[in-house]
Amino acid sequence: MSAPSTESGLPIYQDAARYDAEHWWKTDDLTFWEELTGEYGPRVLELAAGTGRLALPVLKSRATYTGLEISTAFLECARVKLASFGQRARLVQGDIRDFHLDETFDLILIGFNAFLHLLTDEEALAALACVREHCHEGTRLVIDIFVPDPLFLYRPEGQRVPAKIYADPQIGATVKVEETNLYDPDTELNHLRWYYSTDEKKDFLVINFTLRMYFPDTMDRLLHSAGVLEDGRVVLTQGNLPPLQSVESLACDPVLHLVVGKAGGVGDLG
């Protein structure tokens, strides 16, 4: 694995205002994270913290929050959002594959598919090793990713599919985004392309990026190989993120993929 970068090279993570505008609809998980923090906080670490979207419900529960984010633009946006929380909110620039904060946390979360940017087993295991370094015996780790759907992975090559629509305040227009993908089953990498258009200008922006498709058996193998979870288990859940009791009761329907468990602390190393 190459040395982790101190800045995101992905175009989708270099314009914080556009990112927030694109994801105006993503609110269905906020109550879940607030309740989870109330149950397992109060010291919370979010990896790939983005523009601070999940920090707000975490801080609403009166927790102390540390967010690790690689993108300078996203960090600047998050700092503005979280300024009123003072010392309860801390933001750190760093790469989730290689970070060392010299403290442990009660709850560590990786939300909204951020884990999918770890494109190889090596990268995933490096991130999980860093997670373990920041665990005590009672730490809880929660990873939120989706279960890959064959209908999504094996669409005809070059077929454009509507992905999202949003109002872009920077250009003062409604933007429609279409998506194509090309999936490689050998590497489990899904190569995606987003086409941004307005009524006046088609494809004014085109962004390419790649996501690793983590199937439940792969996550189970990686988590156990990393020695991260003592009583971890794969949880498959329907639609929106479930209420907390559904996570514990293992509700099953393969739409979202949540890994929830008690993490092995640094005292278990060696």
C-alpha atoms as a PDB file:
ATOM      1  CA  MET A   1       0.000   0.000   0.000  1.00  0.00           C
ATOM      2  CA  SER A   2       1.283   3.430  -0.880  1.00  0.00           C
ATOM      3  CA  ALA A   3       1.774   5.967   1.873  1.00  0.00           C
ATOM      4  CA  PRO A   4      -1.559   7.461   2.921  1.00  0.00           C
ATOM      5  CA  SER A   5      -2.209  10.944   1.623  1.00  0.00           C
ATOM      6  CA  THR A   6      -2.903  13.969   3.790  1.00  0.00           C
ATOM      7  CA  GLU A   7      -5.450  15.255   1.262  1.00  0.00           C
ATOM      8  CA  SER A   8      -8.318  13.649  -0.616  1.00  0.00           C
ATOM      9  CA  GLY A   9      -7.586  13.229  -4.308  1.00  0.00           C
ATOM     10  CA  LEU A  10     -11.236  12.451  -5.107  1.00  0.00           C
ATOM     11  CA  PRO A  11     -13.104  15.265  -6.896  1.00  0.00           C
ATOM     12  CA  ILE A  12     -16.328  14.318  -5.090  1.00  0.00           C
ATOM     13  CA  TYR A  13     -14.668  15.369  -1.821  1.00  0.00           C
ATOM     14  CA  GLN A  14     -13.130  18.673  -2.875  1.00  0.00           C
ATOM     15  CA  ASP A  15     -16.240  20.861  -3.062  1.00  0.00           C
ATOM     16  CA  ALA A  16     -17.956  20.864   0.328  1.00  0.00           C
ATOM     17  CA  ALA A  17     -20.811  23.168  -0.698  1.00  0.00           C
ATOM     18  CA  ARG A  18     -21.711  20.951  -3.650  1.00  0.00           C
ATOM     19  CA  TYR A  19     -21.484  17.822  -1.487  1.00  0.00           C
ATOM     20  CA  ASP A  20     -23.888  19.228   1.102  1.00  0.00           C
ATOM     21  CA  ALA A  21     -26.282  20.394  -1.609  1.00  0.00           C
ATOM     22  CA  GLU A  22     -26.230  16.970  -3.277  1.00  0.00           C
ATOM     23  CA  HIS A  23     -27.016  15.176  -0.023  1.00  0.00           C
ATOM     24  CA  TRP A  24     -29.842  17.407   1.198  1.00  0.00           C
ATOM     25  CA  TRP A  25     -32.040  14.288   1.351  1.00  0.00           C
ATOM     26  CA  LYS A  26     -29.804  12.246   3.653  1.00  0.00           C
ATOM     27  CA  THR A  27     -31.504  12.621   7.031  1.00  0.00           C
ATOM     28  CA  ASP A  28     -32.856   9.120   7.663  1.00  0.00           C
ATOM     29  CA  ASP A  29     -29.908   8.074   9.827  1.00  0.00           C
ATOM     30  CA  LEU A  30     -29.643  11.067  12.168  1.00  0.00           C
ATOM     31  CA  THR A  31     -31.879   9.743  14.923  1.00  0.00           C
ATOM     32  CA  PHE A  32     -30.063   6.418  14.836  1.00  0.00           C
ATOM     33  CA  TRP A  33     -26.662   8.022  15.439  1.00  0.00           C
ATOM     34  CA  GLU A  34     -28.024  10.243  18.190  1.00  0.00           C
ATOM     35  CA  GLU A  35     -29.570   7.264  19.990  1.00  0.00           C
ATOM     36  CA  LEU A  36     -26.464   5.144  19.478  1.00  0.00           C
ATOM     37  CA  THR A  37     -24.307   7.868  21.010  1.00  0.00           C
ATOM     38  CA  GLY A  38     -26.666   8.156  23.961  1.00  0.00           C
ATOM     39  CA  GLU A  39     -26.321   4.418  24.527  1.00  0.00           C
ATOM     40  CA  TYR A  40     -22.566   3.960  24.000  1.00  0.00           C
ATOM     41  CA  GLY A  41     -20.946   7.403  24.351  1.00  0.00           C
ATOM     42  CA  PRO A  42     -19.888   9.840  25.617  1.00  0.00           C
ATOM     43  CA  ARG A  43     -16.486   9.885  23.890  1.00  0.00           C
ATOM     44  CA  VAL A  44     -17.070   9.467  20.155  1.00  0.00           C
ATOM     45  CA  LEU A  45     -14.661   9.176  17.234  1.00  0.00           C
ATOM     46  CA  GLU A  46     -15.978   9.468  13.684  1.00  0.00           C
ATOM     47  CA  LEU A  47     -13.704   8.353  10.861  1.00  0.00           C
ATOM     48  CA  ALA A  48     -14.129  10.051   7.466  1.00  0.00           C
ATOM     49  CA  ALA A  49     -16.159  12.754   9.183  1.00  0.00           C
ATOM     50  CA  GLY A  50     -16.955  14.694   6.012  1.00  0.00           C
ATOM     51  CA  THR A  51     -18.602  18.083   6.401  1.00  0.00           C
ATOM     52  CA  GLY A  52     -19.887  17.345   9.899  1.00  0.00           C
ATOM     53  CA  ARG A  53     -23.314  15.965   9.035  1.00  0.00           C
ATOM     54  CA  LEU A  54     -23.171  13.150  11.608  1.00  0.00           C
ATOM     55  CA  ALA A  55     -21.328  15.245  14.174  1.00  0.00           C
ATOM     56  CA  LEU A  56     -24.489  17.261  14.792  1.00  0.00           C
ATOM     57  CA  PRO A  57     -26.673  14.387  16.104  1.00  0.00           C
ATOM     58  CA  VAL A  58     -23.706  13.016  18.064  1.00  0.00           C
ATOM     59  CA  LEU A  59     -23.194  16.366  19.786  1.00  0.00           C
ATOM     60  CA  LYS A  60     -26.926  16.735  20.331  1.00  0.00           C
ATOM     61  CA  SER A  61     -26.657  13.771  22.710  1.00  0.00           C
ATOM     62  CA  ARG A  62     -24.161  15.742  24.831  1.00  0.00           C
ATOM     63  CA  ALA A  63     -21.176  13.619  23.786  1.00  0.00           C
ATOM     64  CA  THR A  64     -17.662  14.821  23.147  1.00  0.00           C
ATOM     65  CA  TYR A  65     -16.811  14.381  19.486  1.00  0.00           C
ATOM     66  CA  THR A  66     -13.591  13.881  17.511  1.00  0.00           C
ATOM     67  CA  GLY A  67     -13.845  13.774  13.732  1.00  0.00           C
ATOM     68  CA  LEU A  68     -11.040  12.587  11.448  1.00  0.00           C
ATOM     69  CA  GLU A  69     -11.267  13.797   7.849  1.00  0.00           C
ATOM     70  CA  ILE A  70      -8.752  13.872   4.996  1.00  0.00           C
ATOM     71  CA  SER A  71     -10.269  16.655   2.871  1.00  0.00           C
ATOM     72  CA  THR A  72      -9.196  20.191   3.721  1.00  0.00           C
ATOM     73  CA  ALA A  73     -12.327  21.657   2.132  1.00  0.00           C
ATOM     74  CA  PHE A  74     -14.593  19.353   4.116  1.00  0.00           C
ATOM     75  CA  LEU A  75     -12.768  20.105   7.356  1.00  0.00           C
ATOM     76  CA  GLU A  76     -13.180  23.845   6.845  1.00  0.00           C
ATOM     77  CA  CYS A  77     -16.907  23.367   6.264  1.00  0.00           C
ATOM     78  CA  ALA A  78     -17.256  21.151   9.332  1.00  0.00           C
ATOM     79  CA  ARG A  79     -15.415  23.646  11.533  1.00  0.00           C
ATOM     80  CA  VAL A  80     -17.951  26.309  10.665  1.00  0.00           C
ATOM     81  CA  LYS A  81     -20.869  23.986  11.472  1.00  0.00           C
ATOM     82  CA  LEU A  82     -19.392  22.867  14.790  1.00  0.00           C
ATOM     83  CA  ALA A  83     -17.926  26.140  16.042  1.00  0.00           C
ATOM     84  CA  SER A  84     -20.719  26.697  18.567  1.00  0.00           C
ATOM     85  CA  PHE A  85     -19.904  23.433  20.383  1.00  0.00           C
ATOM     86  CA  GLY A  86     -16.522  24.695  21.558  1.00  0.00           C
ATOM     87  CA  GLN A  87     -14.233  22.119  23.158  1.00  0.00           C
ATOM     88  CA  ARG A  88     -16.833  19.361  22.870  1.00  0.00           C
ATOM     89  CA  ALA A  89     -16.048  19.138  19.122  1.00  0.00           C
ATOM     90  CA  ARG A  90     -12.576  18.487  17.740  1.00  0.00           C
ATOM     91  CA  LEU A  91     -11.656  18.028  14.093  1.00  0.00           C
ATOM     92  CA  VAL A  92      -8.408  16.443  12.953  1.00  0.00           C
ATOM     93  CA  GLN A  93      -7.038  16.124   9.431  1.00  0.00           C
ATOM     94  CA  GLY A  94      -5.874  12.601   8.728  1.00  0.00           C
ATOM     95  CA  ASP A  95      -6.186   9.389   6.753  1.00  0.00           C
ATOM     96  CA  ILE A  96      -8.209   6.571   8.290  1.00  0.00           C
ATOM     97  CA  ARG A  97      -5.585   4.089   7.103  1.00  0.00           C
ATOM     98  CA  ASP A  98      -2.918   5.659   9.299  1.00  0.00           C
ATOM     99  CA  PHE A  99      -3.905   7.758  12.312  1.00  0.00           C
ATOM    100  CA  HIS A 100      -2.682   7.876  15.901  1.00  0.00           C
ATOM    101  CA  LEU A 101      -4.547  10.096  18.361  1.00  0.00           C
ATOM    102  CA  ASP A 102      -3.053   8.658  21.573  1.00  0.00           C
ATOM    103  CA  GLU A 103      -6.428   8.114  23.240  1.00  0.00           C
ATOM    104  CA  THR A 104      -9.308   5.673  23.283  1.00  0.00           C
ATOM    105  CA  PHE A 105     -13.014   6.207  22.629  1.00  0.00           C
ATOM    106  CA  ASP A 106     -16.302   4.705  23.795  1.00  0.00           C
ATOM    107  CA  LEU A 107     -17.850   4.695  20.316  1.00  0.00           C
ATOM    108  CA  ILE A 108     -16.109   4.650  16.939  1.00  0.00           C
ATOM    109  CA  LEU A 109     -18.232   5.107  13.858  1.00  0.00           C
ATOM    110  CA  ILE A 110     -17.664   5.000  10.107  1.00  0.00           C
ATOM    111  CA  GLY A 111     -20.863   6.259   8.508  1.00  0.00           C
ATOM    112  CA  PHE A 112     -22.587   6.571   5.153  1.00  0.00           C
ATOM    113  CA  ASN A 113     -20.483   4.159   3.071  1.00  0.00           C
ATOM    114  CA  ALA A 114     -17.137   5.831   3.808  1.00  0.00           C
ATOM    115  CA  PHE A 115     -15.575   2.398   4.368  1.00  0.00           C
ATOM    116  CA  LEU A 116     -16.126   1.638   0.664  1.00  0.00           C
ATOM    117  CA  HIS A 117     -13.244   3.956  -0.249  1.00  0.00           C
ATOM    118  CA  LEU A 118     -10.844   1.376   1.206  1.00  0.00           C
ATOM    119  CA  LEU A 119     -10.223  -0.422  -2.064  1.00  0.00           C
ATOM    120  CA  THR A 120      -8.180  -3.429  -0.949  1.00  0.00           C
ATOM    121  CA  ASP A 121      -7.985  -5.836   1.949  1.00  0.00           C
ATOM    122  CA  GLU A 122      -4.664  -4.241   2.849  1.00  0.00           C
ATOM    123  CA  GLU A 123      -6.205  -0.786   3.156  1.00  0.00           C
ATOM    124  CA  ALA A 124      -9.186  -2.088   5.126  1.00  0.00           C
ATOM    125  CA  LEU A 125      -6.954  -3.998   7.551  1.00  0.00           C
ATOM    126  CA  ALA A 126      -4.722  -0.952   8.014  1.00  0.00           C
ATOM    127  CA  ALA A 127      -7.758   1.140   8.949  1.00  0.00           C
ATOM    128  CA  LEU A 128      -9.069  -1.532  11.309  1.00  0.00           C
ATOM    129  CA  ALA A 129      -5.657  -1.806  12.985  1.00  0.00           C
ATOM    130  CA  CYS A 130      -5.826   1.924  13.696  1.00  0.00           C
ATOM    131  CA  VAL A 131      -9.360   1.490  15.021  1.00  0.00           C
ATOM    132  CA  ARG A 132      -8.153  -1.154  17.447  1.00  0.00           C
ATOM    133  CA  GLU A 133      -5.397   1.139  18.671  1.00  0.00           C
ATOM    134  CA  HIS A 134      -8.099   3.585  19.792  1.00  0.00           C
ATOM    135  CA  CYS A 135     -10.299   1.049  21.602  1.00  0.00           C
ATOM    136  CA  HIS A 136     -10.629   0.194  25.237  1.00  0.00           C
ATOM    137  CA  GLU A 137     -12.295  -2.999  26.415  1.00  0.00           C
ATOM    138  CA  GLY A 138     -15.811  -1.574  26.168  1.00  0.00           C
ATOM    139  CA  THR A 139     -15.526   0.356  22.904  1.00  0.00           C
ATOM    140  CA  ARG A 140     -18.279  -0.118  20.336  1.00  0.00           C
ATOM    141  CA  LEU A 141     -17.515   0.022  16.611  1.00  0.00           C
ATOM    142  CA  VAL A 142     -20.261   0.749  14.063  1.00  0.00           C
ATOM    143  CA  ILE A 143     -19.687   0.652  10.298  1.00  0.00           C
ATOM    144  CA  ASP A 144     -22.523   1.654   7.973  1.00  0.00           C
ATOM    145  CA  ILE A 145     -22.255   0.386   4.389  1.00  0.00           C
ATOM    146  CA  PHE A 146     -24.736  -1.049   1.911  1.00  0.00           C
ATOM    147  CA  VAL A 147     -24.948  -4.654   0.811  1.00  0.00           C
ATOM    148  CA  PRO A 148     -24.022  -4.850  -2.912  1.00  0.00           C
ATOM    149  CA  ASP A 149     -27.025  -5.492  -5.138  1.00  0.00           C
ATOM    150  CA  PRO A 150     -26.401  -7.461  -8.379  1.00  0.00           C
ATOM    151  CA  LEU A 151     -28.918  -5.225 -10.171  1.00  0.00           C
ATOM    152  CA  PHE A 152     -26.673  -2.288  -9.325  1.00  0.00           C
ATOM    153  CA  LEU A 153     -23.371  -4.001 -10.098  1.00  0.00           C
ATOM    154  CA  TYR A 154     -24.254  -5.629 -13.401  1.00  0.00           C
ATOM    155  CA  ARG A 155     -26.041  -2.880 -15.276  1.00  0.00           C
ATOM    156  CA  PRO A 156     -25.267  -2.693 -19.003  1.00  0.00           C
ATOM    157  CA  GLU A 157     -21.947  -0.959 -19.586  1.00  0.00           C
ATOM    158  CA  GLY A 158     -22.459   2.715 -20.407  1.00  0.00           C
ATOM    159  CA  GLN A 159     -26.122   2.762 -19.388  1.00  0.00           C
ATOM    160  CA  ARG A 160     -26.940   6.037 -17.678  1.00  0.00           C
ATOM    161  CA  VAL A 161     -29.162   5.761 -14.630  1.00  0.00           C
ATOM    162  CA  PRO A 162     -30.674   8.759 -12.776  1.00  0.00           C
ATOM    163  CA  ALA A 163     -28.774   9.083  -9.492  1.00  0.00           C
ATOM    164  CA  LYS A 164     -29.920  12.296  -7.809  1.00  0.00           C
ATOM    165  CA  ILE A 165     -31.334  15.765  -8.315  1.00  0.00           C
ATOM    166  CA  TYR A 166     -30.525  18.827  -6.236  1.00  0.00           C
ATOM    167  CA  ALA A 167     -30.580  22.599  -6.189  1.00  0.00           C
ATOM    168  CA  ASP A 168     -27.049  23.933  -6.557  1.00  0.00           C
ATOM    169  CA  PRO A 169     -26.718  27.308  -4.793  1.00  0.00           C
ATOM    170  CA  GLN A 170     -23.356  28.000  -6.402  1.00  0.00           C
ATOM    171  CA  ILE A 171     -24.723  28.073  -9.947  1.00  0.00           C
ATOM    172  CA  GLY A 172     -28.328  28.897  -9.091  1.00  0.00           C
ATOM    173  CA  ALA A 173     -29.804  25.966 -10.991  1.00  0.00           C
ATOM    174  CA  THR A 174     -31.316  22.532 -10.533  1.00  0.00           C
ATOM    175  CA  VAL A 175     -28.769  19.816 -11.285  1.00  0.00           C
ATOM    176  CA  LYS A 176     -29.570  16.306 -12.407  1.00  0.00           C
ATOM    177  CA  VAL A 177     -26.927  13.620 -11.909  1.00  0.00           C
ATOM    178  CA  GLU A 178     -26.749  10.423 -13.967  1.00  0.00           C
ATOM    179  CA  GLU A 179     -24.544   7.463 -13.171  1.00  0.00           C
ATOM    180  CA  THR A 180     -22.775   4.715 -15.066  1.00  0.00           C
ATOM    181  CA  ASN A 181     -20.754   1.913 -13.536  1.00  0.00           C
ATOM    182  CA  LEU A 182     -18.427  -0.907 -14.491  1.00  0.00           C
ATOM    183  CA  TYR A 183     -17.958  -3.641 -11.902  1.00  0.00           C
ATOM    184  CA  ASP A 184     -14.952  -5.971 -11.738  1.00  0.00           C
ATOM    185  CA  PRO A 185     -15.932  -9.121  -9.824  1.00  0.00           C
ATOM    186  CA  ASP A 186     -12.309 -10.224  -9.473  1.00  0.00           C
ATOM    187  CA  THR A 187     -11.271  -7.134  -7.508  1.00  0.00           C
ATOM    188  CA  GLU A 188     -14.788  -6.296  -6.227  1.00  0.00           C
ATOM    189  CA  LEU A 189     -14.182  -2.738  -7.425  1.00  0.00           C
ATOM    190  CA  ASN A 190     -17.066  -0.738  -8.849  1.00  0.00           C
ATOM    191  CA  HIS A 191     -15.886   2.036 -11.183  1.00  0.00           C
ATOM    192  CA  LEU A 192     -18.485   4.812 -11.244  1.00  0.00           C
ATOM    193  CA  ARG A 193     -18.958   7.929 -13.307  1.00  0.00           C
ATOM    194  CA  TRP A 194     -21.340  10.765 -12.421  1.00  0.00           C
ATOM    195  CA  TYR A 195     -22.609  13.157 -15.112  1.00  0.00           C
ATOM    196  CA  TYR A 196     -23.874  16.536 -13.876  1.00  0.00           C
ATOM    197  CA  SER A 197     -26.316  18.445 -16.103  1.00  0.00           C
ATOM    198  CA  THR A 198     -28.650  21.419 -15.997  1.00  0.00           C
ATOM    199  CA  ASP A 199     -31.405  22.195 -18.477  1.00  0.00           C
ATOM    200  CA  GLU A 200     -29.018  24.609 -20.178  1.00  0.00           C
ATOM    201  CA  LYS A 201     -25.813  22.587 -20.148  1.00  0.00           C
ATOM    202  CA  LYS A 202     -25.482  18.828 -20.374  1.00  0.00           C
ATOM    203  CA  ASP A 203     -22.538  17.124 -18.679  1.00  0.00           C
ATOM    204  CA  PHE A 204     -21.023  20.352 -17.376  1.00  0.00           C
ATOM    205  CA  LEU A 205     -19.195  18.207 -14.839  1.00  0.00           C
ATOM    206  CA  VAL A 206     -18.111  14.565 -15.018  1.00  0.00           C
ATOM    207  CA  ILE A 207     -16.603  12.827 -11.990  1.00  0.00           C
ATOM    208  CA  ASN A 208     -15.014   9.382 -11.844  1.00  0.00           C
ATOM    209  CA  PHE A 209     -14.506   7.421  -8.636  1.00  0.00           C
ATOM    210  CA  THR A 210     -14.185   3.841  -7.439  1.00  0.00           C
ATOM    211  CA  LEU A 211     -15.785   1.986  -4.540  1.00  0.00           C
ATOM    212  CA  ARG A 212     -15.008  -1.441  -3.105  1.00  0.00           C
ATOM    213  CA  MET A 213     -18.074  -3.629  -2.821  1.00  0.00           C
ATOM    214  CA  TYR A 214     -17.874  -5.333   0.569  1.00  0.00           C
ATOM    215  CA  PHE A 215     -20.080  -8.398   0.868  1.00  0.00           C
ATOM    216  CA  PRO A 216     -21.051  -9.568   4.365  1.00  0.00           C
ATOM    217  CA  ASP A 217     -18.709 -12.567   4.312  1.00  0.00           C
ATOM    218  CA  THR A 218     -15.808 -10.292   3.336  1.00  0.00           C
ATOM    219  CA  MET A 219     -16.548  -7.906   6.193  1.00  0.00           C
ATOM    220  CA  ASP A 220     -16.794 -10.791   8.622  1.00  0.00           C
ATOM    221  CA  ARG A 221     -13.423 -12.139   7.470  1.00  0.00           C
ATOM    222  CA  LEU A 222     -11.683  -8.758   7.648  1.00  0.00           C
ATOM    223  CA  LEU A 223     -13.054  -7.884  11.076  1.00  0.00           C
ATOM    224  CA  HIS A 224     -11.953 -11.180  12.523  1.00  0.00           C
ATOM    225  CA  SER A 225      -8.563 -11.047  10.754  1.00  0.00           C
ATOM    226  CA  ALA A 226      -7.966  -7.609  12.249  1.00  0.00           C
ATOM    227  CA  GLY A 227      -8.939  -8.843  15.709  1.00  0.00           C
ATOM    228  CA  VAL A 228     -11.177  -5.824  16.124  1.00  0.00           C
ATOM    229  CA  LEU A 229     -14.417  -7.266  17.459  1.00  0.00           C
ATOM    230  CA  GLU A 230     -14.841  -9.589  20.412  1.00  0.00           C
ATOM    231  CA  ASP A 231     -18.578 -10.129  19.998  1.00  0.00           C
ATOM    232  CA  GLY A 232     -19.009  -8.523  16.604  1.00  0.00           C
ATOM    233  CA  ARG A 233     -21.553  -9.709  14.123  1.00  0.00           C
ATOM    234  CA  VAL A 234     -22.826  -8.735  10.720  1.00  0.00           C
ATOM    235  CA  VAL A 235     -26.235  -7.105  10.864  1.00  0.00           C
ATOM    236  CA  LEU A 236     -28.385  -6.821   7.764  1.00  0.00           C
ATOM    237  CA  THR A 237     -31.211  -4.357   8.058  1.00  0.00           C
ATOM    238  CA  GLN A 238     -33.954  -2.930   5.911  1.00  0.00           C
ATOM    239  CA  GLY A 239     -34.269   0.506   4.362  1.00  0.00           C
ATOM    240  CA  ASN A 240     -33.309   3.216   6.815  1.00  0.00           C
ATOM    241  CA  LEU A 241     -30.956   2.651   9.692  1.00  0.00           C
ATOM    242  CA  PRO A 242     -32.828   0.721  12.365  1.00  0.00           C
ATOM    243  CA  PRO A 243     -33.746   1.796  15.856  1.00  0.00           C
ATOM    244  CA  LEU A 244     -31.147   0.704  18.349  1.00  0.00           C
ATOM    245  CA  GLN A 245     -33.095  -2.319  19.580  1.00  0.00           C
ATOM    246  CA  SER A 246     -33.277  -3.672  16.006  1.00  0.00           C
ATOM    247  CA  VAL A 247     -29.494  -3.637  15.750  1.00  0.00           C
ATOM    248  CA  GLU A 248     -29.212  -5.760  18.861  1.00  0.00           C
ATOM    249  CA  SER A 249     -31.924  -8.192  17.710  1.00  0.00           C
ATOM    250  CA  LEU A 250     -30.304  -8.764  14.292  1.00  0.00           C
ATOM    251  CA  ALA A 251     -33.163  -7.685  12.051  1.00  0.00           C
ATOM    252  CA  CYS A 252     -32.466  -9.176   8.618  1.00  0.00           C
ATOM    253  CA  ASP A 253     -33.053  -7.713   5.179  1.00  0.00           C
ATOM    254  CA  PRO A 254     -30.048  -7.043   2.927  1.00  0.00           C
ATOM    255  CA  VAL A 255     -30.333  -3.370   2.115  1.00  0.00           C
ATOM    256  CA  LEU A 256     -27.992  -1.755   4.611  1.00  0.00           C
ATOM    257  CA  HIS A 257     -25.042  -3.483   6.167  1.00  0.00           C
ATOM    258  CA  LEU A 258     -24.214  -2.571   9.738  1.00  0.00           C
ATOM    259  CA  VAL A 259     -21.391  -4.054  11.713  1.00  0.00           C
ATOM    260  CA  VAL A 260     -22.018  -3.576  15.412  1.00  0.00           C
ATOM    261  CA  GLY A 261     -20.008  -5.025  18.219  1.00  0.00           C
ATOM    262  CA  LYS A 262     -17.839  -4.643  21.246  1.00  0.00           C
ATOM    263  CA  ALA A 263     -14.341  -3.857  20.077  1.00  0.00           C
ATOM    264  CA  GLY A 264     -11.228  -5.536  21.362  1.00  0.00           C
ATOM    265  CA  GLY A 265      -9.175  -2.943  23.190  1.00  0.00           C
ATOM    266  CA  VAL A 266      -5.483  -2.172  23.035  1.00  0.00           C
ATOM    267  CA  GLY A 267      -5.039  -4.270  26.156  1.00  0.00           C
ATOM    268  CA  ASP A 268      -5.784  -7.341  24.048  1.00  0.00           C
ATOM    269  CA  LEU A 269      -2.893  -6.752  21.638  1.00  0.00           C
ATOM    270  CA  GLY A 270       0.047  -9.120  21.568  1.00  0.00           C
END
